[in-house]
Amino acid sequence: MMNIPWDQPATLIDLDGKTPVIGLLLECVMHFSLFKLFAKEQARILLTQPVFREGRKTRTWVLNPDEIEKLVERLNAERKADQ
């Protein structure tokens, strides 16, 4: 799951029905990182290509908040490594 390319088209959705962010996975993760805790709990990312998840037999199209948070950590680590 952590190897999803940053340039994959994706949509950041909110279970409260706010306007989605449609763009690249990188943009969706960056927006998610700015959310407050309540908004993060309501957010999901819809992928254009399904990915395998640990402990599941099938691939999935939706990333949950804990998985998105791991992508935020990956992004921060990559940025730190580039400095």
Protein backbone atom coordinates (compact mmCIF):
# COMPACT_ATOMS: atom_id res chain seq x y z
CA MET A 1 0.00 0.00 0.00
CA MET A 2 2.81 2.39 0.77
CA ASN A 3 4.17 2.05 -2.76
CA ILE A 4 1.28 3.86 -4.43
CA PRO A 5 2.79 6.35 -6.90
CA TRP A 6 2.32 9.99 -5.99
CA ASP A 7 1.16 10.79 -9.53
CA GLN A 8 -1.77 8.35 -9.48
CA PRO A 9 -5.07 10.21 -9.99
CA ALA A 10 -7.17 10.13 -6.81
CA THR A 11 -10.05 11.84 -5.04
CA LEU A 12 -10.07 12.94 -1.41
CA ILE A 13 -13.64 12.63 -0.14
CA ASP A 14 -15.28 13.66 3.09
CA LEU A 15 -18.08 11.65 4.70
CA ASP A 16 -19.75 14.94 5.68
CA GLY A 17 -20.31 15.73 2.01
CA LYS A 18 -17.86 18.62 1.55
CA THR A 19 -16.44 19.29 -1.90
CA PRO A 20 -13.94 16.58 -2.88
CA VAL A 21 -10.34 17.23 -3.88
CA ILE A 22 -9.78 15.70 -7.30
CA GLY A 23 -6.17 15.48 -8.41
CA LEU A 24 -3.07 13.41 -7.84
CA LEU A 25 -2.52 11.25 -4.77
CA LEU A 26 0.20 13.70 -3.68
CA GLU A 27 -2.27 16.61 -3.67
CA CYS A 28 -4.87 14.59 -1.76
CA VAL A 29 -2.33 13.58 0.89
CA MET A 30 -1.10 17.17 1.22
CA HIS A 31 -4.67 18.42 1.76
CA PHE A 32 -5.34 15.64 4.27
CA SER A 33 -2.24 16.62 6.25
CA LEU A 34 -3.74 20.09 6.82
CA PHE A 35 -7.06 18.80 8.18
CA LYS A 36 -8.02 19.00 11.84
CA LEU A 37 -8.53 15.71 13.68
CA PHE A 38 -12.30 15.59 13.16
CA ALA A 39 -11.95 16.20 9.42
CA LYS A 40 -9.24 13.55 9.16
CA GLU A 41 -11.56 11.00 10.76
CA GLN A 42 -14.16 11.73 8.06
CA ALA A 43 -11.76 11.67 5.09
CA ARG A 44 -11.15 8.86 2.61
CA ILE A 45 -9.13 8.68 -0.60
CA LEU A 46 -10.68 7.02 -3.61
CA LEU A 47 -8.01 5.59 -5.91
CA THR A 48 -8.15 5.05 -9.67
CA GLN A 49 -6.28 1.76 -9.33
CA PRO A 50 -7.01 -0.67 -6.49
CA VAL A 51 -4.21 -1.69 -4.12
CA PHE A 52 -3.54 -4.72 -1.96
CA ARG A 53 -4.00 -4.29 1.78
CA GLU A 54 -2.43 -6.24 4.58
CA GLY A 55 -4.68 -9.06 5.77
CA ARG A 56 -7.12 -8.91 2.84
CA LYS A 57 -7.54 -11.30 -0.03
CA THR A 58 -8.84 -8.67 -2.46
CA ARG A 59 -7.64 -5.27 -3.58
CA THR A 60 -9.45 -2.10 -2.54
CA TRP A 61 -10.19 1.29 -4.05
CA VAL A 62 -10.55 3.27 -0.81
CA LEU A 63 -7.90 4.33 1.72
CA ASN A 64 -9.00 4.93 5.30
CA PRO A 65 -7.66 7.72 7.55
CA ASP A 66 -5.00 5.53 9.22
CA GLU A 67 -3.66 4.52 5.80
CA ILE A 68 -3.67 8.12 4.57
CA GLU A 69 -1.76 9.13 7.71
CA LYS A 70 0.92 6.58 6.76
CA LEU A 71 1.18 8.28 3.37
CA VAL A 72 1.60 11.64 5.14
CA GLU A 73 4.46 10.09 7.12
CA ARG A 74 5.98 8.75 3.89
CA LEU A 75 5.71 12.20 2.28
CA ASN A 76 7.35 13.88 5.28
CA ALA A 77 10.16 11.31 5.31
CA GLU A 78 10.80 11.80 1.58
CA ARG A 79 10.88 15.57 1.97
CA LYS A 80 13.29 15.32 4.90
CA ALA A 81 15.56 12.98 2.89
CA ASP A 82 15.65 15.49 0.01
CA GLN A 83 16.96 18.29 2.23
